[in-house]
Protein backbone atom coordinates (compact mmCIF):
# COMPACT_ATOMS: atom_id res chain seq x y z
CA UNK A 1 49.21 197.77 8.38
CA UNK A 2 47.38 194.82 6.89
CA UNK A 3 44.75 192.93 8.70
CA UNK A 4 46.74 189.74 8.48
CA UNK A 5 49.47 191.35 10.47
CA UNK A 6 47.15 192.02 13.36
CA UNK A 7 45.55 188.60 13.39
CA UNK A 8 46.92 186.07 15.97
CA UNK A 9 48.73 182.88 14.68
CA UNK A 10 46.54 179.84 14.80
CA UNK A 11 47.05 176.16 14.66
CA UNK A 12 46.35 175.18 11.19
CA UNK A 13 44.44 172.00 11.88
CA UNK A 14 42.11 173.25 14.57
CA UNK A 15 42.33 177.05 14.37
CA UNK A 16 43.42 177.43 18.03
CA UNK A 17 45.67 180.35 18.94
CA UNK A 18 49.03 179.41 20.42
CA UNK A 19 48.67 181.86 23.33
CA UNK A 20 45.54 180.05 24.34
CA UNK A 21 47.02 176.45 24.35
CA UNK A 22 45.80 174.34 27.32
CA UNK A 23 49.34 172.86 27.72
CA UNK A 24 50.96 176.27 28.12
CA UNK A 25 48.11 177.83 30.06
CA UNK A 26 49.02 176.13 33.40
CA UNK A 27 48.74 178.32 36.48
CA UNK A 28 50.63 177.16 39.68
CA UNK A 29 49.92 178.53 43.17
CA UNK A 30 52.47 181.04 44.31
CA UNK A 31 53.11 179.19 47.59
CA UNK A 32 54.37 176.04 45.78
CA UNK A 33 57.08 177.85 43.89
CA UNK A 34 58.19 179.63 47.04
CA UNK A 35 58.28 176.25 48.91
CA UNK A 36 60.52 174.70 46.24
CA UNK A 37 62.85 177.66 46.34
CA UNK A 38 62.99 177.39 50.16
CA UNK A 39 63.78 173.71 50.08
CA UNK A 40 66.56 174.27 47.54
CA UNK A 41 68.00 176.93 49.83
CA UNK A 42 67.91 174.53 52.82
CA UNK A 43 69.58 171.76 50.78
CA UNK A 44 72.35 174.13 49.73
CA UNK A 45 72.91 175.19 53.37
CA UNK A 46 73.16 171.48 54.36
CA UNK A 47 75.74 170.85 51.69
CA UNK A 48 77.79 173.78 52.87
CA UNK A 49 77.56 172.54 56.55
CA UNK A 50 78.60 169.05 55.49
CA UNK A 51 81.54 170.32 53.44
CA UNK A 52 82.65 172.45 56.38
CA UNK A 53 82.28 169.43 58.74
CA UNK A 54 84.26 167.07 56.50
CA UNK A 55 87.01 169.49 55.63
CA UNK A 56 87.35 171.19 59.01
CA UNK A 57 86.37 168.80 61.75
CA UNK A 58 86.97 165.26 60.49
CA UNK A 59 90.16 165.67 58.39
CA UNK A 60 92.15 163.19 60.50
CA UNK A 61 89.41 160.55 60.22
CA UNK A 62 89.12 160.90 56.43
CA UNK A 63 92.92 160.73 56.06
CA UNK A 64 93.01 157.48 58.06
CA UNK A 65 90.22 156.07 55.95
CA UNK A 66 92.10 156.98 52.80
CA UNK A 67 95.39 155.58 54.05
CA UNK A 68 93.70 152.27 54.99
CA UNK A 69 93.05 151.73 51.29
CA UNK A 70 96.67 151.77 50.32
CA UNK A 71 98.94 151.87 53.43
CA UNK A 72 99.68 148.75 55.41
CA UNK A 73 101.60 148.00 58.63
CA UNK A 74 103.71 144.82 58.09
CA UNK A 75 105.02 142.76 60.96
CA UNK A 76 108.70 141.99 60.86
CA UNK A 77 109.23 138.65 62.63
CA UNK A 78 112.14 138.30 65.02
CA UNK A 79 114.37 135.20 64.79
CA UNK A 80 113.82 132.87 67.73
CA UNK A 81 116.97 132.15 69.76
CA UNK A 82 118.79 128.86 69.32
CA UNK A 83 118.87 126.22 72.03
CA UNK A 84 122.14 124.38 72.35
CA UNK A 85 123.52 121.73 74.68
CA UNK A 86 126.43 122.38 77.07
CA UNK A 87 128.96 121.75 74.31
CA UNK A 88 127.34 123.98 71.64
CA UNK A 89 125.51 121.24 69.85
CA UNK A 90 122.33 122.82 68.33
CA UNK A 91 119.16 121.31 69.73
CA UNK A 92 116.68 123.83 68.25
CA UNK A 93 117.00 126.43 65.60
CA UNK A 94 114.77 128.49 63.29
CA UNK A 95 114.82 128.14 59.54
CA UNK A 96 113.20 130.74 57.19
CA UNK A 97 109.98 129.59 55.49
CA UNK A 98 107.02 131.29 53.85
CA UNK A 99 103.37 131.75 54.65
CA UNK A 100 101.16 131.65 51.52
CA UNK A 101 98.21 133.99 51.79
CA UNK A 102 95.56 135.24 49.34
CA UNK A 103 93.03 137.96 48.54
CA UNK A 104 90.13 135.60 47.69
CA UNK A 105 88.24 137.78 45.20
CA UNK A 106 91.31 138.22 43.04
CA UNK A 107 92.46 134.55 43.19
CA UNK A 108 89.11 133.12 42.16
CA UNK A 109 89.40 134.97 38.80
CA UNK A 110 92.54 132.94 37.95
CA UNK A 111 92.40 130.17 35.29
CA UNK A 112 91.35 126.76 36.62
CA UNK A 113 94.61 125.20 35.43
CA UNK A 114 96.65 127.56 37.61
CA UNK A 115 94.43 126.90 40.67
CA UNK A 116 94.93 123.17 40.19
CA UNK A 117 98.66 123.63 40.12
CA UNK A 118 98.51 125.88 43.18
CA UNK A 119 96.51 123.26 45.04
CA UNK A 120 99.03 120.53 44.16
CA UNK A 121 101.99 122.64 45.34
CA UNK A 122 100.24 123.27 48.64
CA UNK A 123 99.51 119.58 49.08
CA UNK A 124 95.71 120.00 49.05
CA UNK A 125 92.84 119.22 46.78
CA UNK A 126 91.27 121.80 44.52
CA UNK A 127 88.09 121.60 46.56
CA UNK A 128 90.01 122.40 49.78
CA UNK A 129 91.70 125.34 48.09
CA UNK A 130 88.35 126.73 46.86
CA UNK A 131 86.80 126.25 50.32
CA UNK A 132 89.55 128.46 51.77
CA UNK A 133 89.05 131.04 49.02
CA UNK A 134 85.26 131.06 49.49
CA UNK A 135 85.51 133.72 52.15
CA UNK A 136 84.19 137.23 52.63
CA UNK A 137 87.50 138.27 54.18
CA UNK A 138 90.04 140.27 52.28
CA UNK A 139 92.94 138.11 53.66
CA UNK A 140 93.18 134.34 54.24
CA UNK A 141 96.14 132.04 54.87
CA UNK A 142 96.34 129.19 52.47
CA UNK A 143 99.31 127.38 54.10
CA UNK A 144 101.78 128.27 56.85
CA UNK A 145 105.45 127.32 57.08
CA UNK A 146 105.96 126.42 53.48
CA UNK A 147 109.49 125.51 52.40
CA UNK A 148 111.32 128.15 50.31
CA UNK A 149 111.49 126.14 47.05
CA UNK A 150 107.73 125.37 47.17
CA UNK A 151 106.99 129.03 47.89
CA UNK A 152 109.12 130.09 44.88
CA UNK A 153 107.12 127.75 42.64
CA UNK A 154 103.89 129.23 43.99
CA UNK A 155 105.10 132.72 43.19
CA UNK A 156 106.16 131.63 39.71
CA UNK A 157 102.55 130.75 38.87
CA UNK A 158 101.85 134.49 38.66
CA UNK A 159 98.36 134.24 40.17
CA UNK A 160 96.97 137.65 41.04
CA UNK A 161 96.07 137.89 44.74
CA UNK A 162 98.56 135.22 45.91
CA UNK A 163 101.25 136.65 48.18
CA UNK A 164 103.94 135.25 50.54
CA UNK A 165 105.05 136.36 53.98
CA UNK A 166 108.31 135.62 55.67
CA UNK A 167 108.19 133.55 58.81
CA UNK A 168 110.22 130.85 60.66
CA UNK A 169 109.90 127.21 61.34
CA UNK A 170 111.53 125.45 64.27
CA UNK A 171 113.82 122.50 63.50
CA UNK A 172 115.02 120.01 66.09
CA UNK A 173 118.10 118.06 64.93
CA UNK A 174 118.03 115.49 67.78
CA UNK A 175 114.40 114.55 67.13
CA UNK A 176 112.77 112.27 69.71
CA UNK A 177 115.92 111.98 71.81
CA UNK A 178 115.61 115.50 73.09
CA UNK A 179 111.81 115.91 72.68
CA UNK A 180 110.85 116.03 76.37
CA UNK A 181 113.62 118.45 77.25
CA UNK A 182 113.46 120.96 74.37
CA UNK A 183 109.69 120.64 73.63
CA UNK A 184 108.32 122.40 70.51
CA UNK A 185 106.63 125.60 69.22
CA UNK A 186 103.37 126.03 67.35
CA UNK A 187 102.78 127.45 63.90
CA UNK A 188 103.03 130.94 65.35
CA UNK A 189 106.53 130.03 66.68
CA UNK A 190 105.36 130.22 70.25
CA UNK A 191 106.65 127.66 72.77
CA UNK A 192 104.21 124.92 73.73
CA UNK A 193 106.20 122.38 75.75
CA UNK A 194 109.60 121.90 77.49
CA UNK A 195 112.28 124.52 77.39
CA UNK A 196 110.62 126.20 74.47
CA UNK A 197 107.69 127.10 76.72
CA UNK A 198 109.66 127.60 79.91
CA UNK A 199 112.01 130.18 78.27
CA UNK A 200 109.49 131.62 75.80
CA UNK A 201 110.11 135.22 76.86
CA UNK A 202 113.86 135.21 76.25
CA UNK A 203 113.82 132.92 73.25
CA UNK A 204 111.10 134.69 71.32
CA UNK A 205 112.52 138.17 71.10
CA UNK A 206 110.34 141.14 69.91
CA UNK A 207 108.78 141.51 66.49
CA UNK A 208 109.23 144.74 64.56
CA UNK A 209 107.00 146.56 62.02
CA UNK A 210 107.13 148.89 59.02
CA UNK A 211 104.65 150.96 57.00
CA UNK A 212 104.32 150.35 53.26
CA UNK A 213 102.12 151.38 50.34
CA UNK A 214 100.46 148.61 48.41
CA UNK A 215 98.64 148.65 45.12
CA UNK A 216 95.21 147.07 44.38
CA UNK A 217 96.79 143.63 43.98
CA UNK A 218 98.54 143.80 47.37
CA UNK A 219 101.98 144.36 45.97
CA UNK A 220 104.37 146.66 47.84
CA UNK A 221 105.10 149.70 45.75
CA UNK A 222 106.84 151.94 48.35
CA UNK A 223 108.35 151.75 51.82
CA UNK A 224 107.17 154.64 54.04
CA UNK A 225 108.99 154.10 57.27
CA UNK A 226 110.27 151.54 59.79
CA UNK A 227 108.14 151.89 62.93
CA UNK A 228 109.97 149.37 65.18
CA UNK A 229 113.03 147.30 64.45
CA UNK A 230 112.79 143.55 65.39
CA UNK A 231 114.94 142.21 68.17
CA UNK A 232 116.01 138.61 67.80
CA UNK A 233 115.59 136.19 70.78
CA UNK A 234 118.53 135.15 72.96
CA UNK A 235 120.32 131.95 72.49
CA UNK A 236 120.07 129.47 75.34
CA UNK A 237 122.69 127.00 76.48
CA UNK A 238 121.41 124.02 78.47
CA UNK A 239 123.15 121.85 80.98
CA UNK A 240 122.09 118.88 78.89
CA UNK A 241 124.90 116.87 77.23
CA UNK A 242 123.58 115.51 73.99
CA UNK A 243 125.98 112.53 74.16
CA UNK A 244 124.77 111.57 77.60
CA UNK A 245 121.17 112.14 76.57
CA UNK A 246 121.60 109.72 73.63
CA UNK A 247 123.15 107.14 76.00
CA UNK A 248 120.30 107.35 78.45
CA UNK A 249 117.59 107.26 75.75
CA UNK A 250 119.15 104.26 73.98
CA UNK A 251 119.51 102.12 77.08
CA UNK A 252 116.07 103.11 78.46
CA UNK A 253 114.49 102.20 75.09
CA UNK A 254 116.18 98.81 75.11
CA UNK A 255 114.87 98.07 78.61
CA UNK A 256 111.24 99.21 77.85
CA UNK A 257 111.22 96.99 74.76
CA UNK A 258 112.87 94.07 76.55
CA UNK A 259 110.36 94.05 79.41
CA UNK A 260 107.45 95.17 77.21
CA UNK A 261 106.79 97.96 79.60
CA UNK A 262 104.17 100.72 79.31
CA UNK A 263 106.70 103.47 79.77
CA UNK A 264 110.01 104.47 81.33
CA UNK A 265 112.06 107.45 82.44
CA UNK A 266 115.60 108.23 83.37
CA UNK A 267 117.56 111.31 84.60
CA UNK A 268 121.28 111.96 85.02
CA UNK A 269 122.42 114.64 87.47
CA UNK A 270 125.80 116.22 88.06
CA UNK A 271 126.49 115.93 91.84
CA UNK A 272 128.90 118.85 91.79
CA UNK A 273 126.84 121.51 90.07
CA UNK A 274 123.21 120.24 90.15
CA UNK A 275 123.06 120.37 86.38
CA UNK A 276 120.67 118.07 84.64
CA UNK A 277 122.88 116.22 82.12
CA UNK A 278 120.11 114.00 80.65
CA UNK A 279 116.37 113.61 80.97
CA UNK A 280 114.59 110.98 78.84
CA UNK A 281 111.12 109.51 78.66
CA UNK A 282 109.41 106.79 76.72
CA UNK A 283 107.20 106.75 74.77
CA UNK A 284 108.62 109.74 72.95
CA UNK A 285 107.76 111.66 69.81
CA UNK A 286 109.47 113.49 66.96
CA UNK A 287 108.98 117.27 67.45
CA UNK A 288 109.58 117.81 63.70
CA UNK A 289 106.52 115.75 62.83
CA UNK A 290 103.66 115.98 65.29
CA UNK A 291 100.94 114.83 62.98
CA UNK A 292 100.23 111.70 65.09
CA UNK A 293 101.18 113.02 68.52
CA UNK A 294 99.31 111.42 71.44
CA UNK A 295 99.03 112.30 75.15
CA UNK A 296 101.12 109.32 76.23
CA UNK A 297 103.98 110.45 73.97
CA UNK A 298 103.74 114.03 75.19
CA UNK A 299 103.95 113.32 78.90
CA UNK A 300 107.25 114.19 80.49
CA UNK A 301 107.03 111.41 83.09
CA UNK A 302 110.21 112.27 84.88
CA UNK A 303 108.71 115.66 85.80
CA UNK A 304 104.93 115.13 85.76
CA UNK A 305 104.21 111.58 86.90
CA UNK A 306 104.20 110.69 90.52
CA UNK A 307 104.47 107.21 91.98
CA UNK A 308 105.02 105.48 95.37
CA UNK A 309 108.78 105.18 95.42
CA UNK A 310 108.82 101.96 97.47
CA UNK A 311 112.13 100.91 98.98
CA UNK A 312 114.07 103.82 97.50
CA UNK A 313 112.59 105.82 100.45
CA UNK A 314 114.28 103.54 103.10
CA UNK A 315 117.65 105.41 103.04
CA UNK A 316 115.96 108.57 104.29
CA UNK A 317 114.30 106.86 107.18
CA UNK A 318 117.54 105.04 108.15
CA UNK A 319 119.69 108.19 107.77
CA UNK A 320 117.27 110.01 110.16
CA UNK A 321 117.61 107.14 112.70
CA UNK A 322 121.43 107.44 112.42
CA UNK A 323 121.38 111.21 112.61
CA UNK A 324 119.34 111.30 115.76
CA UNK A 325 121.55 108.64 117.41
CA UNK A 326 118.83 106.03 117.81
CA UNK A 327 120.84 103.48 115.96
CA UNK A 328 124.31 102.83 114.42
CA UNK A 329 125.11 100.85 111.27
CA UNK A 330 125.79 97.86 113.52
CA UNK A 331 122.69 98.01 115.66
CA UNK A 332 120.91 94.66 115.45
CA UNK A 333 117.11 94.63 114.66
CA UNK A 334 115.05 91.43 114.86
CA UNK A 335 112.93 91.05 111.75
CA UNK A 336 111.72 87.48 112.41
CA UNK A 337 109.26 85.98 111.74
CA UNK A 338 109.01 88.19 108.66
CA UNK A 339 105.56 89.73 109.52
CA UNK A 340 104.50 92.51 111.82
CA UNK A 341 101.08 93.74 112.94
CA UNK A 342 100.14 97.41 113.48
CA UNK A 343 96.52 97.38 114.55
CA UNK A 344 94.60 95.46 111.99
CA UNK A 345 97.26 95.95 109.28
CA UNK A 346 99.98 93.39 108.50
CA UNK A 347 103.50 94.33 107.25
CA UNK A 348 105.72 91.67 105.79
CA UNK A 349 109.06 91.17 104.17
CA UNK A 350 109.53 89.50 100.82
CA UNK A 351 111.94 87.06 102.48
CA UNK A 352 112.26 86.10 106.12
CA UNK A 353 115.63 87.38 107.34
CA UNK A 354 115.83 87.04 111.17
CA UNK A 355 118.24 89.32 113.03
CA UNK A 356 119.80 92.05 110.80
CA UNK A 357 122.12 94.93 111.45
CA UNK A 358 121.00 98.37 110.26
CA UNK A 359 123.36 98.05 107.33
CA UNK A 360 121.84 94.73 106.43
CA UNK A 361 118.33 96.24 106.63
CA UNK A 362 119.32 98.47 103.75
CA UNK A 363 121.22 95.76 101.87
CA UNK A 364 118.37 93.27 102.19
CA UNK A 365 115.68 95.94 101.91
CA UNK A 366 113.71 94.81 104.97
CA UNK A 367 110.40 96.51 105.49
CA UNK A 368 110.10 95.32 109.10
CA UNK A 369 113.60 96.51 110.02
CA UNK A 370 112.79 99.97 108.55
CA UNK A 371 109.45 100.19 110.28
CA UNK A 372 110.91 99.38 113.64
CA UNK A 373 113.38 102.20 113.25
CA UNK A 374 110.64 104.59 112.04
CA UNK A 375 108.35 103.89 115.00
CA UNK A 376 111.14 105.02 117.38
CA UNK A 377 110.80 108.54 115.94
CA UNK A 378 108.17 111.25 116.16
CA UNK A 379 106.07 111.79 113.00
CA UNK A 380 107.20 115.41 112.93
CA UNK A 381 110.88 114.30 112.68
CA UNK A 382 110.15 112.16 109.67
CA UNK A 383 107.98 114.81 108.05
CA UNK A 384 110.71 117.38 108.48
CA UNK A 385 113.30 115.00 106.94
CA UNK A 386 111.14 114.43 103.92
CA UNK A 387 110.32 118.06 103.40
CA UNK A 388 113.97 119.06 103.81
CA UNK A 389 114.88 116.93 100.77
CA UNK A 390 112.01 118.38 98.68
CA UNK A 391 109.19 115.84 98.89
CA UNK A 392 105.73 117.33 98.78
CA UNK A 393 107.03 120.52 97.08
CA UNK A 394 107.11 121.54 93.49
CA UNK A 395 110.68 121.51 92.11
CA UNK A 396 111.94 124.99 91.47
CA UNK A 397 113.13 124.33 88.00
CA UNK A 398 110.98 126.78 86.01
CA UNK A 399 109.90 123.80 83.94
CA UNK A 400 106.30 123.35 82.84
CA UNK A 401 104.38 120.52 84.44
CA UNK A 402 106.71 119.79 87.33
CA UNK A 403 104.62 118.46 90.17
CA UNK A 404 104.84 118.46 93.98
CA UNK A 405 103.88 114.92 94.73
CA UNK A 406 101.98 113.98 97.87
CA UNK A 407 103.17 114.23 101.44
CA UNK A 408 100.46 114.78 104.04
CA UNK A 409 101.06 116.85 107.15
CA UNK A 410 102.44 114.79 110.11
CA UNK A 411 99.56 115.86 112.28
CA UNK A 412 97.22 113.53 110.48
CA UNK A 413 99.53 110.50 110.38
CA UNK A 414 98.34 107.31 112.06
CA UNK A 415 100.95 104.71 113.23
CA UNK A 416 100.27 102.50 110.18
CA UNK A 417 100.78 105.43 107.90
CA UNK A 418 103.99 106.42 109.55
CA UNK A 419 105.16 102.82 109.13
CA UNK A 420 104.25 102.49 105.45
CA UNK A 421 105.69 105.91 104.55
CA UNK A 422 109.05 104.77 106.03
CA UNK A 423 109.42 102.30 103.20
CA UNK A 424 107.80 104.29 100.42
CA UNK A 425 104.09 103.63 100.54
CA UNK A 426 101.46 106.28 101.20
CA UNK A 427 103.75 108.95 99.76
CA UNK A 428 104.17 109.92 96.08
CA UNK A 429 107.18 111.55 94.40
CA UNK A 430 108.36 112.26 90.86
CA UNK A 431 111.53 110.74 89.52
CA UNK A 432 113.23 114.11 89.42
CA UNK A 433 112.41 114.78 93.08
CA UNK A 434 113.83 111.55 94.45
CA UNK A 435 116.94 111.79 92.18
CA UNK A 436 117.64 115.22 93.63
CA UNK A 437 116.99 114.01 97.19
CA UNK A 438 119.72 111.40 96.78
CA UNK A 439 122.17 114.34 96.60
CA UNK A 440 122.47 114.30 100.34
CA UNK A 441 124.12 110.86 100.16
CA UNK A 442 126.36 111.72 97.21
CA UNK A 443 127.41 115.18 98.53
CA UNK A 444 128.22 114.43 102.21
CA UNK A 445 124.92 115.56 103.56
CA UNK A 446 124.06 118.82 101.77
CA UNK A 447 121.47 119.52 99.04
CA UNK A 448 121.74 121.80 96.06
CA UNK A 449 119.24 123.06 93.47
CA UNK A 450 118.92 121.58 90.07
CA UNK A 451 119.34 123.45 86.81
CA UNK A 452 118.39 122.85 83.23
CA UNK A 453 120.71 125.69 82.14
CA UNK A 454 124.47 125.47 82.08
CA UNK A 455 125.88 126.99 85.27
CA UNK A 456 129.20 128.56 86.38
CA UNK A 457 130.53 128.54 89.86
CA UNK A 458 129.35 126.58 92.88
CA UNK A 459 125.55 126.48 93.58
CA UNK A 460 124.09 127.35 97.02
CA UNK A 461 123.54 124.41 99.33
CA UNK A 462 121.93 123.61 102.68
CA UNK A 463 122.81 120.85 105.02
CA UNK A 464 120.35 118.06 105.71
CA UNK A 465 122.40 115.39 107.45
CA UNK A 466 126.00 115.29 108.78
CA UNK A 467 128.98 114.23 106.80
CA UNK A 468 129.38 111.18 109.01
CA UNK A 469 125.77 109.99 108.46
CA UNK A 470 126.05 110.62 104.64
CA UNK A 471 129.24 108.49 104.43
CA UNK A 472 127.70 105.74 106.56
CA UNK A 473 124.73 105.66 104.23
CA UNK A 474 127.00 105.51 101.21
CA UNK A 475 128.70 102.43 102.58
CA UNK A 476 125.35 100.72 103.29
CA UNK A 477 124.03 101.59 99.78
CA UNK A 478 127.17 100.28 98.18
CA UNK A 479 126.43 96.99 99.90
CA UNK A 480 123.13 96.90 98.09
CA UNK A 481 125.13 96.28 94.80
CA UNK A 482 127.43 93.71 96.29
CA UNK A 483 126.77 89.99 96.63
CA UNK A 484 123.83 89.48 98.98
CA UNK A 485 122.24 92.81 98.07
CA UNK A 486 119.12 93.54 96.01
CA UNK A 487 120.86 95.23 93.06
CA UNK A 488 123.89 93.20 92.05
CA UNK A 489 123.01 93.99 88.43
CA UNK A 490 123.76 97.60 89.10
CA UNK A 491 127.50 97.00 89.42
CA UNK A 492 129.94 98.46 86.91
CA UNK A 493 133.38 96.96 86.08
CA UNK A 494 136.06 99.39 87.37
CA UNK A 495 133.74 101.59 89.44
CA UNK A 496 132.22 101.39 92.93
CA UNK A 497 128.52 102.15 92.76
CA UNK A 498 125.83 102.71 95.37
CA UNK A 499 122.10 102.98 95.28
CA UNK A 500 118.79 101.58 96.24
CA UNK A 501 116.10 99.53 94.54
CA UNK A 502 112.43 100.16 94.72
CA UNK A 503 109.29 98.25 93.67
CA UNK A 504 105.77 99.47 94.25
CA UNK A 505 102.23 98.51 93.32
CA UNK A 506 100.37 101.04 91.17
CA UNK A 507 97.20 102.72 92.43
CA UNK A 508 94.20 102.82 90.05
CA UNK A 509 90.88 104.12 91.24
CA UNK A 510 92.16 104.54 94.83
CA UNK A 511 93.13 100.91 95.12
CA UNK A 512 96.36 98.93 94.68
CA UNK A 513 96.39 96.75 91.50
CA UNK A 514 98.80 94.04 90.23
CA UNK A 515 100.76 96.46 88.18
CA UNK A 516 104.22 97.61 89.24
CA UNK A 517 106.78 100.32 88.91
CA UNK A 518 110.35 99.22 89.33
CA UNK A 519 113.00 101.86 89.99
CA UNK A 520 116.61 102.27 90.98
CA UNK A 521 118.44 105.44 92.13
CA UNK A 522 122.19 105.42 92.56
CA UNK A 523 125.45 107.25 92.15
CA UNK A 524 129.09 106.59 91.19
CA UNK A 525 131.91 106.35 91.85
CA UNK A 526 131.39 105.87 95.56
CA UNK A 527 134.86 107.23 96.47
CA UNK A 528 133.94 110.61 94.97
CA UNK A 529 130.43 110.62 93.54
CA UNK A 530 130.20 112.36 90.16
CA UNK A 531 126.74 111.55 88.84
CA UNK A 532 123.37 110.44 90.11
CA UNK A 533 121.31 108.26 87.79
CA UNK A 534 117.65 107.45 88.47
CA UNK A 535 115.70 104.92 86.34
CA UNK A 536 112.01 104.08 86.38
CA UNK A 537 110.28 101.26 84.42
CA UNK A 538 106.45 101.51 84.40
CA UNK A 539 104.46 98.30 84.17
CA UNK A 540 107.08 95.81 82.98
CA UNK A 541 105.30 92.63 81.81
CA UNK A 542 108.13 90.34 80.73
CA UNK A 543 111.23 89.33 82.67
CA UNK A 544 110.17 90.37 86.15
CA UNK A 545 109.13 93.63 87.74
CA UNK A 546 111.45 94.21 90.73
CA UNK A 547 113.55 97.32 90.56
CA UNK A 548 116.74 95.28 90.94
CA UNK A 549 115.80 93.22 87.89
CA UNK A 550 114.31 95.80 85.51
CA UNK A 551 115.85 99.17 86.52
CA UNK A 552 119.27 98.31 88.00
CA UNK A 553 120.74 96.98 84.72
CA UNK A 554 119.67 100.16 82.98
CA UNK A 555 121.40 102.20 85.69
CA UNK A 556 124.58 100.15 85.19
CA UNK A 557 124.58 100.60 81.41
CA UNK A 558 123.86 104.33 81.50
CA UNK A 559 126.23 105.09 84.39
CA UNK A 560 129.19 103.11 82.85
CA UNK A 561 128.97 104.99 79.56
CA UNK A 562 128.40 108.37 81.26
CA UNK A 563 131.48 108.01 83.51
CA UNK A 564 133.63 107.08 80.57
CA UNK A 565 132.32 109.97 78.45
CA UNK A 566 133.12 112.35 81.32
CA UNK A 567 136.57 110.77 81.71
CA UNK A 568 135.97 109.89 85.37
CA UNK A 569 138.83 107.69 86.59
CA UNK A 570 137.92 104.19 87.85
CA UNK A 571 138.00 103.71 91.65
CA UNK A 572 137.84 99.85 91.72
CA UNK A 573 140.06 97.09 90.47
CA UNK A 574 137.09 94.79 89.73
CA UNK A 575 137.08 93.69 86.14
CA UNK A 576 134.77 90.69 86.07
CA UNK A 577 131.35 90.81 87.80
CA UNK A 578 129.17 87.73 88.22
CA UNK A 579 125.64 88.95 88.96
CA UNK A 580 123.91 87.57 92.05
CA UNK A 581 120.18 87.75 91.63
CA UNK A 582 119.21 85.74 94.65
CA UNK A 583 117.94 88.66 96.76
CA UNK A 584 114.96 90.88 95.91
CA UNK A 585 113.68 93.93 97.74
CA UNK A 586 110.51 94.00 99.75
CA UNK A 587 107.86 96.25 98.29
């Protein structure tokens, strides 16, 4: 073998053998290589443990996380029940609309021209639209309750990330005429006022749901299953008669405008069934457009506002005096000289009358005559009479906002308080309360509950006064509308009517002020009462303020049209009535 074969290879430039290279001649400690091997082994064991944990112990969690990326549960809205009047006239119904929603990240990638057209369709500026889309959420509503034709145009734009959802919008065909009875729902189709709120549970029904698979753009690609079928709400038939409601609303509106009053209210009751045939308030609002709704428009004054009823309370005091045998309709009471002192307080009549029979005390509306009868009775007797007809108690109507009024316990009454309450001061009631209380005069002494829903059969009743007392009171209250009475403007050609006027100062800040409420509560026809009509005019400023002047004519106009619409036969031969406005009630 040659020498060259046994000579090591060298680097040509430096003559360094490859086996002796300083780069290759690196010596590591043995413990370091073993440590690396051990760490690799530990990491491999950790991976095995993690794999076993994920695939064996958390399978259900991982499946849910995966499904959340593509599976969705969609709510299936239930159709809200219709509300109709007693004759089937629709007062509230649901119409299908669309909710426009978006996935912000996808929509913002759309061309500017399409976003501008989208904003225009949704009746908003481009800046408003971009503000809604500038969200970290994966889902935002752009607009709710969009009409179907507008929603179709939005879909036609073909913008990725824009979707629609079916929902319903409430429509009220009668508008402001029925506003305070029917109420309205919010954007979620949940009742907020009136019957919509009172009967929310039965009207709303129950929503359903279904599972679907959606792609990345939110489009449904497959139905998985129906989880729960929706159940539509139940339809509701009210006792309200839309024709009578319109009659009451129209005449009340004319009176409020004529007297430039702050507000007004009226209610019509069926004396046979206790059904509420009409309930109106002014100011009113349009439930289909609540963009400028105010608190004054929203208030259901017939149900929620209380006031001192004034002389409309006198029939209850007098009927108690008759019922207990302390007086008869012909008993004479001296009211001269027109003033009366009870301690330091002075009570007076609007006009000096002299000696009056009990019947004339009602006809002339004498405060002094009423007080002299009241002071013959124990406070407990009067308190029981007032509570028996519902004063001081919340009406059991299931209607939101109905108030109890104010009637203090008889144990705290002083003589002057007993005296003033006998003619309607120091006590507060709502219009619906006192209208119902007049049932005892129209129904021969018994009282029945009121109902907003159409009823069948005879309602339960309880007796408050005897038939004899009720009929005596009817005769006295009819005299109120005859010449010499305080409400001659309440008369109706062809029908005998009965009722009582009331006028009371308003209280502000705990003190009486020179503002008035004029009211009239009456019924007709007297021979067989069919309806009770109560009218209240709040703060009339033109044409007087007495109940006989501002409220009695409204009663006459409403009652005349209501009796004719119900085909109630006339019970009087009177065809021409000349009003006699010479007598006004004491307050």
